[in-house]
Each structure stands twice: as C-alpha cells, then as structure tokens.
Amino acid sequence: MDDVIIRLEQLTDQFVSGLDQVQHEEVMAFIEEREQLVAEISDSKQLPSSLTLVQKQRIQAVLQLDNMILNRMNQLKNEASHELQKIQQSKMHHNVYDKAYAADSAFFDKKK
C-alpha cells in the first residue's frame, strides 16, 4: 500500500510543480494515471479503516492539492472555450464572404 501512496505523491508533486506550463494532453495523462493509482488503493484488501494514521495523512496531503489542480483544469477549459468561440466567429465571418452560387454556374446579363 505504501508504494502506491508513494507513486501517487510523486505523480501529484511532479504535476503540481509544473502546473503553470501544463497543457491539456498532460492533464489527461495525469488524470488517467492518478485514476489507476486511486483504483489500486480502493481495490486493495486494506479498507480505509485499516490504513495507518500516517497513510491517511499522506493521502490527505495529496487531496489538499486538488484545488490547485482543479483551478488549472478550469483555466484550460476556459481557454479552450474561448478559442472555440473565436473559431466559430471566424467561420461565421468567412461564410458571409463565401460564394452563394455554384462554381459551375453562369450569369447572363441582358441589355435592353
């Protein structure tokens, strides 16, 4: 159990140390790896009541970093949303100037 907690601490510390430069892909990789470690802790035969006080404190210390991680994730989500809006506006402005006729059509003008 201690080795899983150590891996969880190392993973979290490493992620938090570079939190301001982390990108979406790195967040996804962190979440997947952390999920596996948490599942290992949950699936182990030791129930939370059988964890030692030190193990509980170490897990609690990791959980206290969640707010920082969630803030960065929300920041990345907002950036992505903003970029998506810019792309949609760009498409809308581009469609205004697109041809409203078929490329192989012809226009005949009559003089009276």
N, C-alpha and C. Protein backbone atom coordinates (compact mmCIF):
# COMPACT_ATOMS: atom_id res chain seq x y z
N MET A 1 0.83 -1.19 0.00
CA MET A 1 0.00 0.00 0.00
C MET A 1 0.87 1.25 0.00
N ASP A 2 1.94 1.21 0.78
CA ASP A 2 2.83 2.38 0.86
C ASP A 2 3.43 2.74 -0.49
N ASP A 3 3.77 1.72 -1.31
CA ASP A 3 4.36 2.01 -2.61
C ASP A 3 3.37 2.71 -3.54
N VAL A 4 2.10 2.36 -3.45
CA VAL A 4 1.07 3.02 -4.27
C VAL A 4 0.90 4.47 -3.81
N ILE A 5 0.90 4.69 -2.53
CA ILE A 5 0.77 6.05 -1.99
C ILE A 5 1.99 6.89 -2.39
N ILE A 6 3.17 6.27 -2.35
CA ILE A 6 4.39 6.98 -2.75
C ILE A 6 4.31 7.38 -4.23
N ARG A 7 3.85 6.45 -5.08
CA ARG A 7 3.71 6.77 -6.51
C ARG A 7 2.69 7.89 -6.72
N LEU A 8 1.60 7.86 -5.95
CA LEU A 8 0.58 8.90 -6.04
C LEU A 8 1.15 10.25 -5.61
N GLU A 9 1.92 10.26 -4.53
CA GLU A 9 2.55 11.50 -4.07
C GLU A 9 3.53 12.04 -5.11
N GLN A 10 4.36 11.16 -5.67
CA GLN A 10 5.36 11.59 -6.66
C GLN A 10 4.68 12.13 -7.91
N LEU A 11 3.67 11.42 -8.38
CA LEU A 11 2.94 11.86 -9.57
C LEU A 11 2.30 13.23 -9.34
N THR A 12 1.65 13.39 -8.20
CA THR A 12 0.98 14.65 -7.90
C THR A 12 1.98 15.78 -7.72
N ASP A 13 3.07 15.53 -7.00
CA ASP A 13 4.09 16.57 -6.79
C ASP A 13 4.73 16.99 -8.11
N GLN A 14 5.02 16.03 -8.95
CA GLN A 14 5.61 16.32 -10.26
C GLN A 14 4.65 17.16 -11.11
N PHE A 15 3.39 16.79 -11.08
CA PHE A 15 2.39 17.52 -11.87
C PHE A 15 2.21 18.94 -11.35
N VAL A 16 2.11 19.09 -10.03
CA VAL A 16 1.88 20.41 -9.43
C VAL A 16 3.09 21.31 -9.62
N SER A 17 4.29 20.75 -9.64
CA SER A 17 5.49 21.57 -9.79
C SER A 17 5.54 22.29 -11.14
N GLY A 18 4.95 21.71 -12.16
CA GLY A 18 4.92 22.36 -13.47
C GLY A 18 3.52 22.77 -13.88
N LEU A 19 2.69 23.05 -12.91
CA LEU A 19 1.27 23.29 -13.15
C LEU A 19 1.01 24.47 -14.08
N ASP A 20 1.81 25.55 -13.99
CA ASP A 20 1.51 26.72 -14.82
C ASP A 20 1.85 26.49 -16.29
N GLN A 21 2.70 25.52 -16.61
CA GLN A 21 3.04 25.26 -18.01
C GLN A 21 2.32 24.05 -18.58
N VAL A 22 1.57 23.35 -17.75
CA VAL A 22 0.93 22.11 -18.18
C VAL A 22 -0.15 22.39 -19.24
N GLN A 23 -0.25 21.50 -20.21
CA GLN A 23 -1.24 21.62 -21.27
C GLN A 23 -2.28 20.51 -21.15
N HIS A 24 -3.28 20.59 -22.00
CA HIS A 24 -4.43 19.68 -21.96
C HIS A 24 -4.01 18.21 -21.99
N GLU A 25 -3.10 17.86 -22.88
CA GLU A 25 -2.70 16.46 -23.02
C GLU A 25 -2.04 15.94 -21.74
N GLU A 26 -1.25 16.78 -21.13
CA GLU A 26 -0.58 16.39 -19.89
C GLU A 26 -1.58 16.22 -18.75
N VAL A 27 -2.61 17.05 -18.74
CA VAL A 27 -3.66 16.93 -17.72
C VAL A 27 -4.37 15.59 -17.89
N MET A 28 -4.68 15.25 -19.13
CA MET A 28 -5.37 13.99 -19.39
C MET A 28 -4.52 12.78 -18.97
N ALA A 29 -3.22 12.82 -19.27
CA ALA A 29 -2.33 11.74 -18.88
C ALA A 29 -2.24 11.63 -17.35
N PHE A 30 -2.16 12.78 -16.69
CA PHE A 30 -2.11 12.80 -15.22
C PHE A 30 -3.38 12.19 -14.63
N ILE A 31 -4.52 12.58 -15.15
CA ILE A 31 -5.80 12.08 -14.63
C ILE A 31 -5.90 10.57 -14.80
N GLU A 32 -5.49 10.07 -15.97
CA GLU A 32 -5.57 8.63 -16.21
C GLU A 32 -4.67 7.86 -15.26
N GLU A 33 -3.44 8.34 -15.09
CA GLU A 33 -2.50 7.65 -14.20
C GLU A 33 -2.95 7.73 -12.74
N ARG A 34 -3.43 8.89 -12.36
CA ARG A 34 -3.90 9.06 -10.98
C ARG A 34 -5.11 8.17 -10.71
N GLU A 35 -5.99 8.07 -11.70
CA GLU A 35 -7.16 7.23 -11.58
C GLU A 35 -6.77 5.77 -11.31
N GLN A 36 -5.74 5.30 -12.02
CA GLN A 36 -5.27 3.93 -11.82
C GLN A 36 -4.73 3.73 -10.41
N LEU A 37 -3.97 4.72 -9.93
CA LEU A 37 -3.40 4.61 -8.58
C LEU A 37 -4.49 4.63 -7.52
N VAL A 38 -5.48 5.49 -7.69
CA VAL A 38 -6.59 5.55 -6.73
C VAL A 38 -7.38 4.24 -6.76
N ALA A 39 -7.54 3.68 -7.95
CA ALA A 39 -8.24 2.39 -8.06
C ALA A 39 -7.45 1.29 -7.35
N GLU A 40 -6.12 1.33 -7.46
CA GLU A 40 -5.30 0.36 -6.75
C GLU A 40 -5.49 0.48 -5.23
N ILE A 41 -5.55 1.69 -4.76
CA ILE A 41 -5.75 1.91 -3.32
C ILE A 41 -7.13 1.41 -2.91
N SER A 42 -8.13 1.73 -3.73
CA SER A 42 -9.50 1.32 -3.41
C SER A 42 -9.69 -0.18 -3.51
N ASP A 43 -9.04 -0.82 -4.48
CA ASP A 43 -9.20 -2.25 -4.71
C ASP A 43 -8.37 -3.12 -3.78
N SER A 44 -7.42 -2.49 -3.10
CA SER A 44 -6.57 -3.30 -2.23
C SER A 44 -7.41 -3.89 -1.10
N LYS A 45 -6.90 -4.93 -0.52
CA LYS A 45 -7.64 -5.62 0.53
C LYS A 45 -7.73 -4.79 1.80
N GLN A 46 -6.88 -3.78 1.90
CA GLN A 46 -6.92 -2.92 3.08
C GLN A 46 -8.04 -1.90 2.91
N LEU A 47 -8.96 -1.92 3.79
CA LEU A 47 -10.05 -0.96 3.77
C LEU A 47 -9.54 0.36 4.35
N PRO A 48 -10.20 1.48 4.04
CA PRO A 48 -9.76 2.76 4.59
C PRO A 48 -9.63 2.75 6.11
N SER A 49 -10.43 1.95 6.77
CA SER A 49 -10.34 1.91 8.23
C SER A 49 -9.06 1.22 8.70
N SER A 50 -8.46 0.41 7.83
CA SER A 50 -7.23 -0.27 8.22
C SER A 50 -5.98 0.49 7.80
N LEU A 51 -6.15 1.65 7.18
CA LEU A 51 -4.99 2.48 6.84
C LEU A 51 -4.40 3.05 8.12
N THR A 52 -3.10 3.18 8.13
CA THR A 52 -2.46 3.77 9.30
C THR A 52 -2.69 5.27 9.30
N LEU A 53 -2.45 5.89 10.42
CA LEU A 53 -2.62 7.33 10.55
C LEU A 53 -1.69 8.07 9.59
N VAL A 54 -0.49 7.58 9.44
CA VAL A 54 0.49 8.21 8.54
C VAL A 54 0.01 8.10 7.09
N GLN A 55 -0.51 6.95 6.70
CA GLN A 55 -1.02 6.77 5.34
C GLN A 55 -2.19 7.71 5.08
N LYS A 56 -3.08 7.82 6.05
CA LYS A 56 -4.23 8.72 5.90
C LYS A 56 -3.76 10.18 5.74
N GLN A 57 -2.76 10.56 6.52
CA GLN A 57 -2.24 11.93 6.44
C GLN A 57 -1.58 12.19 5.08
N ARG A 58 -0.87 11.20 4.57
CA ARG A 58 -0.22 11.36 3.27
C ARG A 58 -1.25 11.49 2.15
N ILE A 59 -2.31 10.69 2.23
CA ILE A 59 -3.39 10.79 1.23
C ILE A 59 -4.09 12.13 1.36
N GLN A 60 -4.31 12.58 2.58
CA GLN A 60 -4.94 13.89 2.81
C GLN A 60 -4.10 15.01 2.23
N ALA A 61 -2.77 14.91 2.35
CA ALA A 61 -1.87 15.93 1.80
C ALA A 61 -1.99 15.98 0.28
N VAL A 62 -2.13 14.83 -0.35
CA VAL A 62 -2.31 14.78 -1.80
C VAL A 62 -3.65 15.42 -2.18
N LEU A 63 -4.68 15.13 -1.41
CA LEU A 63 -6.02 15.67 -1.70
C LEU A 63 -6.07 17.18 -1.54
N GLN A 64 -5.23 17.74 -0.68
CA GLN A 64 -5.22 19.19 -0.50
C GLN A 64 -4.72 19.92 -1.74
N LEU A 65 -4.01 19.23 -2.60
CA LEU A 65 -3.52 19.86 -3.83
C LEU A 65 -4.58 19.86 -4.93
N ASP A 66 -5.69 19.20 -4.69
CA ASP A 66 -6.74 19.11 -5.70
C ASP A 66 -7.27 20.47 -6.14
N ASN A 67 -7.41 21.41 -5.21
CA ASN A 67 -7.94 22.74 -5.57
C ASN A 67 -7.05 23.43 -6.59
N MET A 68 -5.74 23.33 -6.40
CA MET A 68 -4.81 23.93 -7.36
C MET A 68 -4.95 23.27 -8.73
N ILE A 69 -5.07 21.96 -8.73
CA ILE A 69 -5.19 21.21 -9.98
C ILE A 69 -6.51 21.55 -10.66
N LEU A 70 -7.59 21.60 -9.90
CA LEU A 70 -8.90 21.94 -10.47
C LEU A 70 -8.91 23.36 -11.05
N ASN A 71 -8.26 24.28 -10.37
CA ASN A 71 -8.19 25.65 -10.89
C ASN A 71 -7.50 25.68 -12.25
N ARG A 72 -6.39 24.95 -12.37
CA ARG A 72 -5.67 24.91 -13.66
C ARG A 72 -6.52 24.23 -14.72
N MET A 73 -7.23 23.18 -14.36
CA MET A 73 -8.09 22.50 -15.32
C MET A 73 -9.20 23.43 -15.80
N ASN A 74 -9.78 24.20 -14.90
CA ASN A 74 -10.82 25.17 -15.30
C ASN A 74 -10.24 26.26 -16.18
N GLN A 75 -9.03 26.66 -15.88
CA GLN A 75 -8.36 27.67 -16.69
C GLN A 75 -8.14 27.15 -18.13
N LEU A 76 -7.70 25.91 -18.25
CA LEU A 76 -7.52 25.31 -19.57
C LEU A 76 -8.85 25.15 -20.30
N LYS A 77 -9.89 24.80 -19.56
CA LYS A 77 -11.22 24.66 -20.15
C LYS A 77 -11.71 26.00 -20.70
N ASN A 78 -11.50 27.06 -19.92
CA ASN A 78 -11.92 28.40 -20.36
C ASN A 78 -11.14 28.85 -21.58
N GLU A 79 -9.83 28.56 -21.60
CA GLU A 79 -9.02 28.91 -22.77
C GLU A 79 -9.51 28.18 -24.01
N ALA A 80 -9.81 26.89 -23.87
CA ALA A 80 -10.30 26.11 -24.99
C ALA A 80 -11.65 26.63 -25.47
N SER A 81 -12.50 26.99 -24.54
CA SER A 81 -13.82 27.54 -24.89
C SER A 81 -13.67 28.85 -25.64
N HIS A 82 -12.76 29.68 -25.18
CA HIS A 82 -12.52 30.97 -25.83
C HIS A 82 -11.99 30.76 -27.26
N GLU A 83 -11.08 29.83 -27.42
CA GLU A 83 -10.53 29.53 -28.76
C GLU A 83 -11.62 28.98 -29.68
N LEU A 84 -12.49 28.14 -29.13
CA LEU A 84 -13.60 27.60 -29.92
C LEU A 84 -14.53 28.72 -30.39
N GLN A 85 -14.81 29.66 -29.52
CA GLN A 85 -15.66 30.79 -29.90
C GLN A 85 -15.01 31.61 -31.01
N LYS A 86 -13.70 31.81 -30.91
CA LYS A 86 -13.00 32.55 -31.95
C LYS A 86 -13.07 31.82 -33.29
N ILE A 87 -12.94 30.51 -33.26
CA ILE A 87 -13.01 29.72 -34.49
C ILE A 87 -14.41 29.81 -35.09
N GLN A 88 -15.44 29.70 -34.23
CA GLN A 88 -16.81 29.78 -34.72
C GLN A 88 -17.11 31.16 -35.31
N GLN A 89 -16.63 32.22 -34.68
CA GLN A 89 -16.82 33.56 -35.22
C GLN A 89 -16.10 33.72 -36.54
N SER A 90 -14.91 33.17 -36.62
CA SER A 90 -14.14 33.23 -37.85
C SER A 90 -14.88 32.53 -38.98
N LYS A 91 -15.44 31.36 -38.69
CA LYS A 91 -16.21 30.62 -39.70
C LYS A 91 -17.43 31.43 -40.13
N MET A 92 -18.09 32.05 -39.16
CA MET A 92 -19.28 32.83 -39.48
C MET A 92 -18.92 34.01 -40.39
N HIS A 93 -17.80 34.71 -40.08
CA HIS A 93 -17.38 35.83 -40.91
C HIS A 93 -16.93 35.34 -42.28
N HIS A 94 -16.33 34.18 -42.33
CA HIS A 94 -15.86 33.63 -43.59
C HIS A 94 -17.05 33.25 -44.47
N ASN A 95 -18.11 32.69 -43.87
CA ASN A 95 -19.29 32.28 -44.63
C ASN A 95 -19.99 33.47 -45.26
N VAL A 96 -19.90 34.63 -44.66
CA VAL A 96 -20.54 35.83 -45.21
C VAL A 96 -19.93 36.16 -46.57
N TYR A 97 -18.64 35.93 -46.71
CA TYR A 97 -17.96 36.27 -47.95
C TYR A 97 -17.87 35.11 -48.93
N ASP A 98 -18.35 33.95 -48.53
CA ASP A 98 -18.34 32.81 -49.45
C ASP A 98 -19.33 33.05 -50.58
N LYS A 99 -19.08 32.38 -51.68
CA LYS A 99 -19.97 32.49 -52.83
C LYS A 99 -21.31 31.86 -52.49
N ALA A 100 -22.37 32.49 -52.90
CA ALA A 100 -23.71 31.96 -52.67
C ALA A 100 -24.21 31.26 -53.92
N TYR A 101 -23.34 30.99 -54.86
CA TYR A 101 -23.73 30.33 -56.09
C TYR A 101 -22.78 29.17 -56.36
N ALA A 102 -23.19 28.31 -57.29
CA ALA A 102 -22.37 27.15 -57.61
C ALA A 102 -21.19 27.59 -58.48
N ALA A 103 -20.10 26.90 -58.37
CA ALA A 103 -18.88 27.28 -59.09
C ALA A 103 -19.03 27.12 -60.60
N ASP A 104 -19.86 26.20 -61.06
CA ASP A 104 -20.01 25.99 -62.49
C ASP A 104 -21.23 26.73 -63.07
N SER A 105 -21.81 27.63 -62.34
CA SER A 105 -22.96 28.38 -62.83
C SER A 105 -22.48 29.58 -63.64
N ALA A 106 -23.39 30.11 -64.40
CA ALA A 106 -23.07 31.26 -65.24
C ALA A 106 -24.11 32.35 -65.01
N PHE A 107 -23.71 33.58 -65.23
CA PHE A 107 -24.59 34.71 -65.02
C PHE A 107 -24.75 35.41 -66.38
N PHE A 108 -25.99 35.57 -66.80
CA PHE A 108 -26.27 36.24 -68.08
C PHE A 108 -26.90 37.59 -67.79
N ASP A 109 -26.34 38.61 -68.38
CA ASP A 109 -26.86 39.95 -68.19
C ASP A 109 -27.43 40.41 -69.53
N LYS A 110 -28.67 40.87 -69.53
CA LYS A 110 -29.28 41.34 -70.77
C LYS A 110 -29.27 42.85 -70.76
N LYS A 111 -29.03 43.38 -71.94
CA LYS A 111 -29.13 44.81 -72.13
C LYS A 111 -30.42 45.11 -72.85
N LYS A 112 -31.12 46.10 -72.42
CA LYS A 112 -32.36 46.46 -73.13
C LYS A 112 -32.17 47.68 -73.95
